[in-house]
Amino acid sequence: MHFPRLPDWLVYAAVVLALLISAVGRQENAAAPPPPPPVPGEEGLPLGPASPFDPAVVVEVPQTAEPGAGTAFAVSDDGVWMTARHVVEGCDKAAIMVANGRGVDAQVFIDPRGEAAILVTEGGAPALPLGLDRTLRRGDRAFHPGYPQGRAGEATSRLLGRENLVVRGRGERTESVLVWAETGRTDGLSGTLAGLSGAPALDSAGRVIGVTVAEAPRRGRIYTTSPETVLTALTASGRRAANYAVGEPVTPENYGRVADNLRRDLRVAQVICIAPGAASASGRPNRGAPAAMPTPEAAPGAEPLQGEGEDIEVSPAAASGG
């Protein structure tokens, strides 16, 4: 059987199209982290309760507070926020950043049993909804909007399971945490996720299921508090989360846009810690570095999340989530 010869222009067009598709595909995947390892027979299974027999990771937390900056998120419209404990514990003053160089004074409430902390300001921003009672499953996605490296950014991950976080140093304790495999992040963001400490871990419905607290960069792991830790911290502080908050659905395709919306509305904001005696020559407190997310000793190459600082002005004025 004899097939007719295709025109040369059609052959050239097909070759160019194939090369273009290949180039675009390489570009899209160039900065993507490796996919999470498969969990044979466990993908989609409900996550079991915490157990003392879960794998353990150890982190060292300095005994004294250092100036730093992390991420916080609103859980009630009247000025109740959550962040990671190590971001604000021991601070002389903590503040929610509401504009460039301007922060709102925040009271800090620490629950000694866990890594979640409560902040209270005179005014608030629209609350994020909580999804603490939902059933978590292995392979579930989470989205982490915040301020990695002191700049607006975000990461996404998939749930691997539970581990026991063994904290040495300030706030010594052992608590159950969730471990996630990082699957994506902001374009151009490489290296440490410094400053993402305290960011909400959102499910696909935009509900908070944990607080981002630690990373293992070389292993591509992100650690969050368990939902139980968030609930315990709220109860211990005597504060309540909004029960009418509404979240925006989040997907791997739109999580950057959703994160930008949350930061613009101050539902996710930067929080700073001013350590005792940490003031600039001008008399204004210095922001310091993006707060280090503790990094497990069990993860080779893990490093604290640090960055550069700048002067800020802190006032008790109410935050406004426009």
Protein backbone atom coordinates (compact mmCIF):
# COMPACT_ATOMS: atom_id res chain seq x y z
CA MET A 1 0.00 0.00 0.00
CA HIS A 2 1.35 3.40 -0.95
CA PHE A 3 0.70 6.44 1.27
CA PRO A 4 0.71 9.95 -0.24
CA ARG A 5 3.71 12.11 0.66
CA LEU A 6 2.92 14.82 3.23
CA PRO A 7 3.72 18.43 2.27
CA ASP A 8 7.05 19.67 3.63
CA TRP A 9 5.41 22.60 5.46
CA LEU A 10 3.18 20.20 7.39
CA VAL A 11 6.17 18.09 8.46
CA TYR A 12 8.07 21.20 9.59
CA ALA A 13 5.03 22.49 11.50
CA ALA A 14 4.65 19.17 13.34
CA VAL A 15 8.34 19.17 14.33
CA VAL A 16 8.19 22.76 15.60
CA LEU A 17 5.02 22.03 17.58
CA ALA A 18 6.60 18.97 19.20
CA LEU A 19 9.71 20.95 20.19
CA LEU A 20 7.56 23.75 21.60
CA ILE A 21 5.49 21.37 23.71
CA SER A 22 8.67 19.71 25.00
CA ALA A 23 10.27 23.06 25.90
CA VAL A 24 7.20 24.30 27.74
CA GLY A 25 6.93 21.05 29.67
CA ARG A 26 10.56 21.27 30.79
CA GLN A 27 10.10 24.87 31.84
CA GLU A 28 7.03 24.10 33.95
CA ASN A 29 8.76 21.27 35.79
CA ALA A 30 12.24 22.76 36.05
CA ALA A 31 11.83 24.13 39.58
CA ALA A 32 9.39 21.52 40.87
CA PRO A 33 10.59 19.41 43.80
CA PRO A 34 10.61 15.64 43.39
CA PRO A 35 7.21 14.04 43.94
CA PRO A 36 6.51 12.54 47.37
CA PRO A 37 7.49 8.92 47.74
CA PRO A 38 4.60 6.50 47.26
CA VAL A 39 3.05 4.96 50.35
CA PRO A 40 2.16 1.47 49.14
CA GLY A 41 -1.35 0.48 50.12
CA GLU A 42 -1.84 3.56 52.31
CA GLU A 43 -2.74 6.33 49.86
CA GLY A 44 -6.17 7.64 50.80
CA LEU A 45 -6.38 5.76 54.10
CA PRO A 46 -7.57 7.74 57.16
CA LEU A 47 -4.76 9.01 59.36
CA GLY A 48 -4.66 7.15 62.66
CA PRO A 49 -4.43 8.74 66.12
CA ALA A 50 -1.14 9.93 67.57
CA SER A 51 1.02 7.22 69.08
CA PRO A 52 4.23 7.19 71.14
CA PHE A 53 5.48 4.62 68.63
CA ASP A 54 5.34 7.08 65.71
CA PRO A 55 8.76 8.01 64.26
CA ALA A 56 10.50 10.81 66.17
CA VAL A 57 12.41 13.87 64.99
CA VAL A 58 14.44 16.14 67.28
CA VAL A 59 14.74 19.92 67.04
CA GLU A 60 16.84 22.34 69.06
CA VAL A 61 15.24 25.66 70.07
CA PRO A 62 17.51 28.43 71.52
CA GLN A 63 16.98 29.12 75.20
CA THR A 64 16.66 32.87 74.62
CA ALA A 65 14.41 34.63 72.12
CA GLU A 66 15.94 36.33 69.10
CA PRO A 67 14.50 39.09 66.90
CA GLY A 68 12.63 37.48 64.02
CA ALA A 69 9.68 37.52 61.68
CA GLY A 70 7.24 34.78 60.78
CA THR A 71 3.66 34.38 59.60
CA ALA A 72 0.32 34.60 61.42
CA PHE A 73 -3.29 34.16 60.37
CA ALA A 74 -6.63 35.42 61.65
CA VAL A 75 -9.02 32.99 63.34
CA SER A 76 -11.50 35.57 64.63
CA ASP A 77 -12.55 38.95 63.23
CA ASP A 78 -12.08 40.66 66.59
CA GLY A 79 -8.30 40.33 66.58
CA VAL A 80 -7.42 36.72 67.39
CA TRP A 81 -4.54 35.24 65.40
CA MET A 82 -2.46 32.07 65.41
CA THR A 83 1.22 31.55 64.72
CA ALA A 84 4.02 29.15 65.65
CA ARG A 85 5.12 29.20 69.27
CA HIS A 86 8.83 29.57 68.55
CA VAL A 87 8.18 32.75 66.52
CA VAL A 88 6.87 34.75 69.50
CA GLU A 89 7.88 32.92 72.68
CA GLY A 90 10.10 35.07 74.90
CA CYS A 91 9.63 38.21 72.80
CA ASP A 92 9.72 41.60 74.52
CA LYS A 93 7.05 42.68 72.04
CA ALA A 94 5.18 40.99 69.18
CA ALA A 95 3.36 42.75 66.37
CA ILE A 96 1.23 41.98 63.33
CA MET A 97 2.45 43.86 60.26
CA VAL A 98 -0.39 45.79 58.60
CA ALA A 99 1.67 47.90 56.17
CA ASN A 100 5.27 48.41 55.12
CA GLY A 101 7.19 49.39 58.25
CA ARG A 102 4.07 49.53 60.47
CA GLY A 103 2.93 46.92 62.96
CA VAL A 104 0.08 46.47 65.44
CA ASP A 105 0.97 45.48 69.00
CA ALA A 106 -0.10 41.91 69.87
CA GLN A 107 -0.53 40.08 73.18
CA VAL A 108 0.96 36.59 73.19
CA PHE A 109 -0.65 33.51 74.76
CA ILE A 110 1.51 30.37 74.86
CA ASP A 111 0.11 26.92 75.55
CA PRO A 112 3.07 25.04 77.10
CA ARG A 113 1.87 21.73 75.62
CA GLY A 114 2.22 22.56 71.93
CA GLU A 115 3.79 24.59 69.14
CA ALA A 116 0.72 26.75 68.35
CA ALA A 117 0.50 30.24 69.87
CA ILE A 118 -2.33 32.77 70.09
CA LEU A 119 -1.95 36.50 69.38
CA VAL A 120 -4.54 39.14 70.26
CA THR A 121 -4.71 42.64 68.75
CA GLU A 122 -7.12 45.53 69.32
CA GLY A 123 -8.63 45.07 65.86
CA GLY A 124 -8.72 42.18 63.46
CA ALA A 125 -8.99 40.90 59.92
CA PRO A 126 -11.51 38.47 58.37
CA ALA A 127 -11.04 35.04 59.91
CA LEU A 128 -9.99 31.86 58.17
CA PRO A 129 -12.31 28.90 58.77
CA LEU A 130 -11.07 25.95 60.81
CA GLY A 131 -11.32 22.35 59.63
CA LEU A 132 -10.03 20.68 62.79
CA ASP A 133 -12.72 17.99 62.92
CA ARG A 134 -12.29 16.64 59.40
CA THR A 135 -10.79 13.22 58.74
CA LEU A 136 -7.26 13.52 57.37
CA ARG A 137 -6.10 10.97 54.82
CA ARG A 138 -2.65 10.04 53.61
CA GLY A 139 -1.98 11.86 50.37
CA ASP A 140 -4.21 14.84 51.29
CA ARG A 141 -2.96 18.16 49.98
CA ALA A 142 -2.10 21.19 52.11
CA PHE A 143 -1.31 24.75 51.09
CA HIS A 144 0.98 27.03 53.13
CA PRO A 145 0.60 30.79 52.35
CA GLY A 146 2.87 33.20 54.18
CA TYR A 147 6.16 35.07 54.07
CA PRO A 148 9.03 32.68 53.29
CA GLN A 149 12.37 34.49 53.37
CA GLY A 150 10.51 37.61 54.49
CA ARG A 151 8.61 37.95 51.20
CA ALA A 152 5.16 36.96 50.03
CA GLY A 153 5.19 33.32 48.97
CA GLU A 154 3.65 29.90 49.47
CA ALA A 155 4.25 26.16 49.29
CA THR A 156 2.07 23.12 48.75
CA SER A 157 2.47 19.59 50.09
CA ARG A 158 0.96 16.12 50.48
CA LEU A 159 0.37 14.33 53.77
CA LEU A 160 2.70 11.45 54.63
CA GLY A 161 1.70 10.72 58.23
CA ARG A 162 2.40 11.54 61.87
CA GLU A 163 5.68 11.91 63.72
CA ASN A 164 6.65 12.87 67.27
CA LEU A 165 8.44 16.22 67.48
CA VAL A 166 10.96 16.15 70.32
CA VAL A 167 11.82 19.73 71.30
CA ARG A 168 15.04 20.41 73.17
CA GLY A 169 15.91 23.78 74.69
CA ARG A 170 13.25 26.42 75.28
CA GLY A 171 9.84 24.82 75.78
CA GLU A 172 11.24 21.28 76.01
CA ARG A 173 8.52 18.73 75.26
CA THR A 174 7.34 16.02 72.88
CA GLU A 175 4.26 16.52 70.73
CA SER A 176 2.61 14.81 67.79
CA VAL A 177 2.93 16.64 64.45
CA LEU A 178 1.97 15.98 60.86
CA VAL A 179 4.69 15.46 58.25
CA TRP A 180 4.14 16.51 54.63
CA ALA A 181 6.14 16.11 51.43
CA GLU A 182 6.62 19.42 49.65
CA THR A 183 5.22 19.25 46.11
CA GLY A 184 5.46 22.86 44.90
CA ARG A 185 6.27 26.43 45.83
CA THR A 186 6.30 30.01 44.57
CA ASP A 187 8.12 30.51 41.26
CA GLY A 188 11.68 31.65 41.90
CA LEU A 189 11.66 30.68 45.60
CA SER A 190 14.59 28.38 46.26
CA GLY A 191 16.32 27.15 49.38
CA THR A 192 14.95 27.64 52.87
CA LEU A 193 11.35 28.50 53.69
CA ALA A 194 12.51 30.94 56.40
CA GLY A 195 9.64 33.08 57.62
CA LEU A 196 6.91 30.54 56.78
CA SER A 197 6.78 29.54 60.45
CA GLY A 198 3.25 30.15 61.71
CA ALA A 199 1.59 29.96 58.30
CA PRO A 200 -1.74 28.16 58.13
CA ALA A 201 -1.87 24.72 56.56
CA LEU A 202 -5.04 24.90 54.46
CA ASP A 203 -6.99 22.01 53.01
CA SER A 204 -8.60 22.07 49.56
CA ALA A 205 -11.63 23.90 50.98
CA GLY A 206 -9.46 26.69 52.41
CA ARG A 207 -9.89 25.52 56.01
CA VAL A 208 -7.08 25.55 58.59
CA ILE A 209 -5.95 22.07 59.59
CA GLY A 210 -2.66 23.01 61.27
CA VAL A 211 0.11 25.56 61.79
CA THR A 212 3.35 25.31 59.79
CA VAL A 213 6.19 24.89 62.31
CA ALA A 214 9.28 23.17 60.87
CA GLU A 215 11.03 21.99 57.74
CA ALA A 216 13.65 19.48 56.62
CA PRO A 217 14.93 21.14 53.40
CA ARG A 218 17.13 18.34 52.07
CA ARG A 219 14.35 15.80 52.52
CA GLY A 220 11.67 18.12 51.15
CA ARG A 221 9.55 17.81 54.29
CA ILE A 222 7.25 20.34 55.96
CA TYR A 223 5.95 19.81 59.50
CA THR A 224 2.70 21.22 60.90
CA THR A 225 0.96 20.99 64.22
CA SER A 226 -1.81 18.46 64.47
CA PRO A 227 -5.41 19.76 64.43
CA GLU A 228 -5.66 18.78 68.10
CA THR A 229 -2.81 21.16 69.01
CA VAL A 230 -4.61 24.10 67.39
CA LEU A 231 -7.81 23.35 69.29
CA THR A 232 -5.95 22.93 72.58
CA ALA A 233 -4.15 26.29 72.16
CA LEU A 234 -7.41 28.11 71.48
CA THR A 235 -9.08 26.50 74.50
CA ALA A 236 -6.15 27.29 76.79
CA SER A 237 -6.17 30.97 75.75
CA GLY A 238 -9.89 31.32 76.43
CA ARG A 239 -10.41 32.61 72.87
CA ARG A 240 -12.83 31.33 70.26
CA ALA A 241 -12.45 31.04 66.53
CA ALA A 242 -15.13 32.47 64.26
CA ASN A 243 -17.75 29.82 63.48
CA TYR A 244 -19.05 31.61 60.40
CA ALA A 245 -15.83 32.12 58.44
CA VAL A 246 -15.79 31.02 54.80
CA GLY A 247 -12.77 29.74 52.91
CA GLU A 248 -11.95 29.80 49.21
CA PRO A 249 -11.37 26.44 47.48
CA VAL A 250 -7.66 25.85 46.84
CA THR A 251 -6.05 23.73 44.13
CA PRO A 252 -2.47 23.20 42.89
CA GLU A 253 -3.37 25.48 39.99
CA ASN A 254 -4.78 28.46 41.94
CA TYR A 255 -3.02 28.36 45.32
CA GLY A 256 -0.73 31.28 44.41
CA ARG A 257 -3.69 33.51 43.60
CA VAL A 258 -5.58 32.41 46.72
CA ALA A 259 -2.50 33.13 48.86
CA ASP A 260 -2.21 36.63 47.37
CA ASN A 261 -5.86 37.30 48.23
CA LEU A 262 -5.35 36.13 51.82
CA ARG A 263 -2.32 38.38 52.30
CA ARG A 264 -4.03 41.37 50.69
CA ASP A 265 -6.99 41.00 53.09
CA LEU A 266 -4.60 40.52 56.04
CA ARG A 267 -6.17 37.16 56.75
CA VAL A 268 -2.54 35.99 56.51
CA ALA A 269 -0.01 38.52 57.78
CA GLN A 270 3.59 38.83 58.80
CA VAL A 271 4.31 38.75 62.54
CA ILE A 272 7.47 40.08 64.15
CA CYS A 273 9.22 39.32 67.41
CA ILE A 274 11.17 42.09 69.10
CA ALA A 275 13.57 40.48 71.53
CA PRO A 276 14.58 42.24 74.77
CA GLY A 277 17.03 45.03 73.97
CA ALA A 278 16.61 44.65 70.20
CA ALA A 279 16.21 48.29 69.14
CA SER A 280 17.89 50.23 66.38
CA ALA A 281 19.98 53.35 66.87
CA SER A 282 16.96 55.42 65.84
CA GLY A 283 15.02 54.11 68.84
CA ARG A 284 12.61 52.12 66.68
CA PRO A 285 12.53 48.34 67.14
CA ASN A 286 14.28 46.24 64.55
CA ARG A 287 12.36 43.49 62.79
CA GLY A 288 15.28 41.09 62.67
CA ALA A 289 15.35 37.99 60.51
CA PRO A 290 12.51 35.81 59.26
CA ALA A 291 11.97 33.42 62.15
CA ALA A 292 13.67 30.07 61.89
CA MET A 293 11.41 27.08 61.47
CA PRO A 294 13.10 24.47 63.67
CA THR A 295 14.72 21.79 61.58
CA PRO A 296 14.87 18.17 62.73
CA GLU A 297 18.28 16.77 63.64
CA ALA A 298 17.21 13.58 61.90
CA ALA A 299 17.16 15.43 58.58
CA PRO A 300 20.73 15.93 57.28
CA GLY A 301 21.40 19.45 56.05
CA ALA A 302 18.40 21.02 57.79
CA GLU A 303 19.01 24.65 58.69
CA PRO A 304 17.11 27.33 60.63
CA LEU A 305 15.10 29.80 58.56
CA GLN A 306 16.90 33.14 58.80
CA GLY A 307 16.97 36.39 56.82
CA GLU A 308 17.61 40.13 56.88
CA GLY A 309 15.91 42.72 59.10
CA GLU A 310 14.61 46.28 58.97
CA ASP A 311 13.27 49.00 61.28
CA ILE A 312 9.54 49.09 62.01
CA GLU A 313 7.09 51.22 63.92
CA VAL A 314 4.70 49.42 66.28
CA SER A 315 1.42 50.92 67.51
CA PRO A 316 -1.66 49.58 69.31
CA ALA A 317 -3.88 50.73 66.41
CA ALA A 318 -6.39 48.24 65.05
CA ALA A 319 -5.57 46.09 62.08
CA SER A 320 -7.87 46.37 59.11
CA GLY A 321 -8.32 43.65 56.53
CA GLY A 322 -9.44 45.63 53.51
